[in-house]
Amino acid sequence: MTSEEFRYWLAEIHWTLPQLAEILECDISYVEALDRGDIEAPPLLAAWLRTLGKVHDELEAPIAYRRKKWKPK
């Protein structure tokens, strides 16, 4: 997985680098290195991000909640 593809799938999932580091329970320096292309994503991580990204891409958020507001009684 190239750094460009890594950034693409993170954007599809709507995750930031700090969020991914928290989810993976790794140091932010690791995901920053992936983002810069200093290291390539291991196959398992690449497959996981691609799968999550494809699901997010194919399944839109439910439209029933668009512009929904909560009004306290």
PDB file of N, CA and C in Angstrom:
ATOM      1  N   MET A   1       0.857  -1.172   0.000  1.00  0.00           N
ATOM      2  CA  MET A   1       0.000   0.000   0.000  1.00  0.00           C
ATOM      3  C   MET A   1       0.900   1.231   0.000  1.00  0.00           C
ATOM      4  N   THR A   2       0.708   2.060  -0.985  1.00  0.00           N
ATOM      5  CA  THR A   2       1.478   3.301  -1.050  1.00  0.00           C
ATOM      6  C   THR A   2       0.935   4.313  -0.043  1.00  0.00           C
ATOM      7  N   SER A   3       1.711   5.347   0.202  1.00  0.00           N
ATOM      8  CA  SER A   3       1.242   6.387   1.125  1.00  0.00           C
ATOM      9  C   SER A   3       0.006   7.093   0.557  1.00  0.00           C
ATOM     10  N   GLU A   4      -0.063   7.211  -0.769  1.00  0.00           N
ATOM     11  CA  GLU A   4      -1.229   7.839  -1.394  1.00  0.00           C
ATOM     12  C   GLU A   4      -2.485   7.001  -1.160  1.00  0.00           C
ATOM     13  N   GLU A   5      -2.347   5.699  -1.325  1.00  0.00           N
ATOM     14  CA  GLU A   5      -3.486   4.811  -1.084  1.00  0.00           C
ATOM     15  C   GLU A   5      -3.860   4.808   0.399  1.00  0.00           C
ATOM     16  N   PHE A   6      -2.859   4.814   1.259  1.00  0.00           N
ATOM     17  CA  PHE A   6      -3.089   4.880   2.701  1.00  0.00           C
ATOM     18  C   PHE A   6      -3.931   6.108   3.043  1.00  0.00           C
ATOM     19  N   ARG A   7      -3.540   7.270   2.507  1.00  0.00           N
ATOM     20  CA  ARG A   7      -4.288   8.511   2.779  1.00  0.00           C
ATOM     21  C   ARG A   7      -5.694   8.444   2.179  1.00  0.00           C
ATOM     22  N   TYR A   8      -5.810   7.854   0.996  1.00  0.00           N
ATOM     23  CA  TYR A   8      -7.124   7.728   0.345  1.00  0.00           C
ATOM     24  C   TYR A   8      -8.093   6.948   1.224  1.00  0.00           C
ATOM     25  N   TRP A   9      -7.655   5.775   1.713  1.00  0.00           N
ATOM     26  CA  TRP A   9      -8.566   4.949   2.515  1.00  0.00           C
ATOM     27  C   TRP A   9      -8.862   5.589   3.857  1.00  0.00           C
ATOM     28  N   LEU A  10      -7.893   6.252   4.459  1.00  0.00           N
ATOM     29  CA  LEU A  10      -8.195   6.965   5.710  1.00  0.00           C
ATOM     30  C   LEU A  10      -9.256   8.033   5.478  1.00  0.00           C
ATOM     31  N   ALA A  11      -9.156   8.731   4.363  1.00  0.00           N
ATOM     32  CA  ALA A  11     -10.158   9.766   4.044  1.00  0.00           C
ATOM     33  C   ALA A  11     -11.534   9.137   3.824  1.00  0.00           C
ATOM     34  N   GLU A  12     -11.572   7.984   3.153  1.00  0.00           N
ATOM     35  CA  GLU A  12     -12.845   7.293   2.930  1.00  0.00           C
ATOM     36  C   GLU A  12     -13.502   6.899   4.248  1.00  0.00           C
ATOM     37  N   ILE A  13     -12.674   6.513   5.227  1.00  0.00           N
ATOM     38  CA  ILE A  13     -13.180   6.087   6.525  1.00  0.00           C
ATOM     39  C   ILE A  13     -13.456   7.283   7.438  1.00  0.00           C
ATOM     40  N   HIS A  14     -12.921   8.435   7.058  1.00  0.00           N
ATOM     41  CA  HIS A  14     -13.049   9.671   7.854  1.00  0.00           C
ATOM     42  C   HIS A  14     -12.262   9.580   9.154  1.00  0.00           C
ATOM     43  N   TRP A  15     -11.072   9.004   9.073  1.00  0.00           N
ATOM     44  CA  TRP A  15     -10.192   8.896  10.228  1.00  0.00           C
ATOM     45  C   TRP A  15      -8.993   9.805  10.055  1.00  0.00           C
ATOM     46  N   THR A  16      -8.526  10.327  11.148  1.00  0.00           N
ATOM     47  CA  THR A  16      -7.294  11.110  11.171  1.00  0.00           C
ATOM     48  C   THR A  16      -6.151  10.193  11.599  1.00  0.00           C
ATOM     49  N   LEU A  17      -4.936  10.678  11.443  1.00  0.00           N
ATOM     50  CA  LEU A  17      -3.782   9.897  11.895  1.00  0.00           C
ATOM     51  C   LEU A  17      -3.842   9.625  13.403  1.00  0.00           C
ATOM     52  N   PRO A  18      -4.150  10.636  14.235  1.00  0.00           N
ATOM     53  CA  PRO A  18      -4.262  10.344  15.669  1.00  0.00           C
ATOM     54  C   PRO A  18      -5.348   9.312  15.988  1.00  0.00           C
ATOM     55  N   GLN A  19      -6.457   9.357  15.277  1.00  0.00           N
ATOM     56  CA  GLN A  19      -7.514   8.375  15.512  1.00  0.00           C
ATOM     57  C   GLN A  19      -7.038   6.967  15.167  1.00  0.00           C
ATOM     58  N   LEU A  20      -6.347   6.822  14.041  1.00  0.00           N
ATOM     59  CA  LEU A  20      -5.849   5.505  13.657  1.00  0.00           C
ATOM     60  C   LEU A  20      -4.829   5.002  14.673  1.00  0.00           C
ATOM     61  N   ALA A  21      -3.948   5.871  15.125  1.00  0.00           N
ATOM     62  CA  ALA A  21      -2.966   5.471  16.134  1.00  0.00           C
ATOM     63  C   ALA A  21      -3.661   4.985  17.405  1.00  0.00           C
ATOM     64  N   GLU A  22      -4.725   5.683  17.787  1.00  0.00           N
ATOM     65  CA  GLU A  22      -5.475   5.274  18.980  1.00  0.00           C
ATOM     66  C   GLU A  22      -6.147   3.922  18.767  1.00  0.00           C
ATOM     67  N   ILE A  23      -6.745   3.724  17.602  1.00  0.00           N
ATOM     68  CA  ILE A  23      -7.427   2.468  17.293  1.00  0.00           C
ATOM     69  C   ILE A  23      -6.433   1.309  17.273  1.00  0.00           C
ATOM     70  N   LEU A  24      -5.266   1.531  16.678  1.00  0.00           N
ATOM     71  CA  LEU A  24      -4.248   0.491  16.592  1.00  0.00           C
ATOM     72  C   LEU A  24      -3.451   0.349  17.884  1.00  0.00           C
ATOM     73  N   GLU A  25      -3.635   1.305  18.783  1.00  0.00           N
ATOM     74  CA  GLU A  25      -2.879   1.343  20.036  1.00  0.00           C
ATOM     75  C   GLU A  25      -1.377   1.363  19.762  1.00  0.00           C
ATOM     76  N   CYS A  26      -0.997   2.209  18.800  1.00  0.00           N
ATOM     77  CA  CYS A  26       0.412   2.373  18.475  1.00  0.00           C
ATOM     78  C   CYS A  26       0.779   3.848  18.619  1.00  0.00           C
ATOM     79  N   ASP A  27       2.055   4.128  18.525  1.00  0.00           N
ATOM     80  CA  ASP A  27       2.515   5.503  18.627  1.00  0.00           C
ATOM     81  C   ASP A  27       2.160   6.259  17.348  1.00  0.00           C
ATOM     82  N   ILE A  28       1.868   7.532  17.490  1.00  0.00           N
ATOM     83  CA  ILE A  28       1.521   8.367  16.344  1.00  0.00           C
ATOM     84  C   ILE A  28       2.652   8.389  15.316  1.00  0.00           C
ATOM     85  N   SER A  29       3.891   8.233  15.769  1.00  0.00           N
ATOM     86  CA  SER A  29       5.030   8.255  14.841  1.00  0.00           C
ATOM     87  C   SER A  29       4.928   7.134  13.808  1.00  0.00           C
ATOM     88  N   TYR A  30       4.328   6.011  14.179  1.00  0.00           N
ATOM     89  CA  TYR A  30       4.176   4.894  13.254  1.00  0.00           C
ATOM     90  C   TYR A  30       3.210   5.244  12.122  1.00  0.00           C
ATOM     91  N   VAL A  31       2.045   5.787  12.451  1.00  0.00           N
ATOM     92  CA  VAL A  31       1.080   6.130  11.394  1.00  0.00           C
ATOM     93  C   VAL A  31       1.565   7.336  10.593  1.00  0.00           C
ATOM     94  N   GLU A  32       2.316   8.217  11.211  1.00  0.00           N
ATOM     95  CA  GLU A  32       2.907   9.335  10.464  1.00  0.00           C
ATOM     96  C   GLU A  32       3.921   8.820   9.445  1.00  0.00           C
ATOM     97  N   ALA A  33       4.690   7.792   9.817  1.00  0.00           N
ATOM     98  CA  ALA A  33       5.641   7.188   8.878  1.00  0.00           C
ATOM     99  C   ALA A  33       4.904   6.518   7.727  1.00  0.00           C
ATOM    100  N   LEU A  34       3.776   5.872   8.006  1.00  0.00           N
ATOM    101  CA  LEU A  34       2.950   5.298   6.944  1.00  0.00           C
ATOM    102  C   LEU A  34       2.433   6.386   6.016  1.00  0.00           C
ATOM    103  N   ASP A  35       1.997   7.477   6.599  1.00  0.00           N
ATOM    104  CA  ASP A  35       1.445   8.599   5.840  1.00  0.00           C
ATOM    105  C   ASP A  35       2.493   9.245   4.930  1.00  0.00           C
ATOM    106  N   ARG A  36       3.715   9.367   5.430  1.00  0.00           N
ATOM    107  CA  ARG A  36       4.798   9.970   4.641  1.00  0.00           C
ATOM    108  C   ARG A  36       5.358   9.015   3.596  1.00  0.00           C
ATOM    109  N   GLY A  37       5.097   7.727   3.772  1.00  0.00           N
ATOM    110  CA  GLY A  37       5.661   6.740   2.858  1.00  0.00           C
ATOM    111  C   GLY A  37       7.030   6.260   3.291  1.00  0.00           C
ATOM    112  N   ASP A  38       7.415   6.562   4.515  1.00  0.00           N
ATOM    113  CA  ASP A  38       8.705   6.097   5.028  1.00  0.00           C
ATOM    114  C   ASP A  38       8.708   4.578   5.186  1.00  0.00           C
ATOM    115  N   ILE A  39       7.558   4.020   5.507  1.00  0.00           N
ATOM    116  CA  ILE A  39       7.376   2.573   5.596  1.00  0.00           C
ATOM    117  C   ILE A  39       6.085   2.211   4.867  1.00  0.00           C
ATOM    118  N   GLU A  40       6.018   0.994   4.415  1.00  0.00           N
ATOM    119  CA  GLU A  40       4.814   0.525   3.734  1.00  0.00           C
ATOM    120  C   GLU A  40       3.920  -0.191   4.743  1.00  0.00           C
ATOM    121  N   ALA A  41       2.631  -0.035   4.588  1.00  0.00           N
ATOM    122  CA  ALA A  41       1.686  -0.699   5.492  1.00  0.00           C
ATOM    123  C   ALA A  41       1.834  -2.208   5.353  1.00  0.00           C
ATOM    124  N   PRO A  42       1.921  -2.921   6.470  1.00  0.00           N
ATOM    125  CA  PRO A  42       1.959  -4.383   6.410  1.00  0.00           C
ATOM    126  C   PRO A  42       0.693  -4.918   5.735  1.00  0.00           C
ATOM    127  N   PRO A  43       0.778  -6.092   5.112  1.00  0.00           N
ATOM    128  CA  PRO A  43      -0.373  -6.636   4.370  1.00  0.00           C
ATOM    129  C   PRO A  43      -1.668  -6.707   5.175  1.00  0.00           C
ATOM    130  N   LEU A  44      -1.595  -7.104   6.434  1.00  0.00           N
ATOM    131  CA  LEU A  44      -2.816  -7.218   7.241  1.00  0.00           C
ATOM    132  C   LEU A  44      -3.454  -5.848   7.470  1.00  0.00           C
ATOM    133  N   LEU A  45      -2.641  -4.854   7.769  1.00  0.00           N
ATOM    134  CA  LEU A  45      -3.158  -3.494   7.973  1.00  0.00           C
ATOM    135  C   LEU A  45      -3.724  -2.936   6.673  1.00  0.00           C
ATOM    136  N   ALA A  46      -3.024  -3.162   5.578  1.00  0.00           N
ATOM    137  CA  ALA A  46      -3.489  -2.677   4.271  1.00  0.00           C
ATOM    138  C   ALA A  46      -4.839  -3.306   3.912  1.00  0.00           C
ATOM    139  N   ALA A  47      -4.962  -4.607   4.103  1.00  0.00           N
ATOM    140  CA  ALA A  47      -6.226  -5.292   3.784  1.00  0.00           C
ATOM    141  C   ALA A  47      -7.359  -4.788   4.664  1.00  0.00           C
ATOM    142  N   TRP A  48      -7.064  -4.568   5.935  1.00  0.00           N
ATOM    143  CA  TRP A  48      -8.071  -4.077   6.885  1.00  0.00           C
ATOM    144  C   TRP A  48      -8.558  -2.693   6.488  1.00  0.00           C
ATOM    145  N   LEU A  49      -7.628  -1.783   6.160  1.00  0.00           N
ATOM    146  CA  LEU A  49      -8.014  -0.423   5.759  1.00  0.00           C
ATOM    147  C   LEU A  49      -8.803  -0.436   4.455  1.00  0.00           C
ATOM    148  N   ARG A  50      -8.370  -1.245   3.495  1.00  0.00           N
ATOM    149  CA  ARG A  50      -9.097  -1.330   2.221  1.00  0.00           C
ATOM    150  C   ARG A  50     -10.521  -1.840   2.437  1.00  0.00           C
ATOM    151  N   THR A  51     -10.657  -2.854   3.266  1.00  0.00           N
ATOM    152  CA  THR A  51     -11.981  -3.424   3.529  1.00  0.00           C
ATOM    153  C   THR A  51     -12.887  -2.403   4.198  1.00  0.00           C
ATOM    154  N   LEU A  52     -12.390  -1.755   5.237  1.00  0.00           N
ATOM    155  CA  LEU A  52     -13.189  -0.728   5.917  1.00  0.00           C
ATOM    156  C   LEU A  52     -13.535   0.406   4.969  1.00  0.00           C
ATOM    157  N   GLY A  53     -12.571   0.820   4.175  1.00  0.00           N
ATOM    158  CA  GLY A  53     -12.804   1.904   3.217  1.00  0.00           C
ATOM    159  C   GLY A  53     -13.864   1.563   2.193  1.00  0.00           C
ATOM    160  N   LYS A  54     -13.823   0.335   1.692  1.00  0.00           N
ATOM    161  CA  LYS A  54     -14.809  -0.092   0.693  1.00  0.00           C
ATOM    162  C   LYS A  54     -16.205  -0.143   1.297  1.00  0.00           C
ATOM    163  N   VAL A  55     -16.302  -0.603   2.527  1.00  0.00           N
ATOM    164  CA  VAL A  55     -17.610  -0.634   3.198  1.00  0.00           C
ATOM    165  C   VAL A  55     -18.136   0.788   3.373  1.00  0.00           C
ATOM    166  N   HIS A  56     -17.287   1.689   3.818  1.00  0.00           N
ATOM    167  CA  HIS A  56     -17.708   3.087   3.979  1.00  0.00           C
ATOM    168  C   HIS A  56     -18.085   3.706   2.645  1.00  0.00           C
ATOM    169  N   ASP A  57     -17.367   3.326   1.596  1.00  0.00           N
ATOM    170  CA  ASP A  57     -17.627   3.869   0.272  1.00  0.00           C
ATOM    171  C   ASP A  57     -18.961   3.366  -0.280  1.00  0.00           C
ATOM    172  N   GLU A  58     -19.262   2.095  -0.046  1.00  0.00           N
ATOM    173  CA  GLU A  58     -20.462   1.477  -0.616  1.00  0.00           C
ATOM    174  C   GLU A  58     -21.727   1.753   0.186  1.00  0.00           C
ATOM    175  N   LEU A  59     -21.590   1.917   1.492  1.00  0.00           N
ATOM    176  CA  LEU A  59     -22.760   2.130   2.340  1.00  0.00           C
ATOM    177  C   LEU A  59     -22.803   3.571   2.822  1.00  0.00           C
ATOM    178  N   GLU A  60     -23.746   4.312   2.309  1.00  0.00           N
ATOM    179  CA  GLU A  60     -23.893   5.699   2.744  1.00  0.00           C
ATOM    180  C   GLU A  60     -24.525   5.740   4.129  1.00  0.00           C
ATOM    181  N   ALA A  61     -24.286   6.829   4.822  1.00  0.00           N
ATOM    182  CA  ALA A  61     -24.938   7.033   6.109  1.00  0.00           C
ATOM    183  C   ALA A  61     -26.448   7.167   5.873  1.00  0.00           C
ATOM    184  N   PRO A  62     -27.264   6.715   6.802  1.00  0.00           N
ATOM    185  CA  PRO A  62     -28.716   6.834   6.631  1.00  0.00           C
ATOM    186  C   PRO A  62     -29.122   8.299   6.443  1.00  0.00           C
ATOM    187  N   ILE A  63     -29.947   8.549   5.442  1.00  0.00           N
ATOM    188  CA  ILE A  63     -30.340   9.927   5.149  1.00  0.00           C
ATOM    189  C   ILE A  63     -31.385  10.461   6.127  1.00  0.00           C
ATOM    190  N   ALA A  64     -32.001   9.603   6.893  1.00  0.00           N
ATOM    191  CA  ALA A  64     -33.044  10.033   7.833  1.00  0.00           C
ATOM    192  C   ALA A  64     -32.516  10.989   8.899  1.00  0.00           C
ATOM    193  N   TYR A  65     -31.203  11.020   9.096  1.00  0.00           N
ATOM    194  CA  TYR A  65     -30.633  11.846  10.162  1.00  0.00           C
ATOM    195  C   TYR A  65     -30.032  13.148   9.664  1.00  0.00           C
ATOM    196  N   ARG A  66     -30.082  13.387   8.392  1.00  0.00           N
ATOM    197  CA  ARG A  66     -29.525  14.626   7.841  1.00  0.00           C
ATOM    198  C   ARG A  66     -30.302  15.827   8.369  1.00  0.00           C
ATOM    199  N   ARG A  67     -29.566  16.800   8.812  1.00  0.00           N
ATOM    200  CA  ARG A  67     -30.104  18.064   9.352  1.00  0.00           C
ATOM    201  C   ARG A  67     -31.005  17.853  10.570  1.00  0.00           C
ATOM    202  N   LYS A  68     -30.878  16.730  11.222  1.00  0.00           N
ATOM    203  CA  LYS A  68     -31.686  16.445  12.402  1.00  0.00           C
ATOM    204  C   LYS A  68     -31.164  17.244  13.591  1.00  0.00           C
ATOM    205  N   LYS A  69     -32.056  17.817  14.352  1.00  0.00           N
ATOM    206  CA  LYS A  69     -31.709  18.586  15.545  1.00  0.00           C
ATOM    207  C   LYS A  69     -32.454  18.004  16.735  1.00  0.00           C
ATOM    208  N   TRP A  70     -31.912  18.255  17.879  1.00  0.00           N
ATOM    209  CA  TRP A  70     -32.555  17.828  19.113  1.00  0.00           C
ATOM    210  C   TRP A  70     -33.031  19.064  19.851  1.00  0.00           C
ATOM    211  N   LYS A  71     -34.278  19.032  20.279  1.00  0.00           N
ATOM    212  CA  LYS A  71     -34.846  20.156  21.019  1.00  0.00           C
ATOM    213  C   LYS A  71     -35.273  19.645  22.379  1.00  0.00           C
ATOM    214  N   PRO A  72     -34.623  20.129  23.430  1.00  0.00           N
ATOM    215  CA  PRO A  72     -35.044  19.696  24.771  1.00  0.00           C
ATOM    216  C   PRO A  72     -36.452  20.161  25.067  1.00  0.00           C
ATOM    217  N   LYS A  73     -37.151  19.381  25.867  1.00  0.00           N
ATOM    218  CA  LYS A  73     -38.552  19.718  26.219  1.00  0.00           C
ATOM    219  C   LYS A  73     -38.591  20.631  27.409  1.00  0.00           C
TER     220      LYS A  73
END
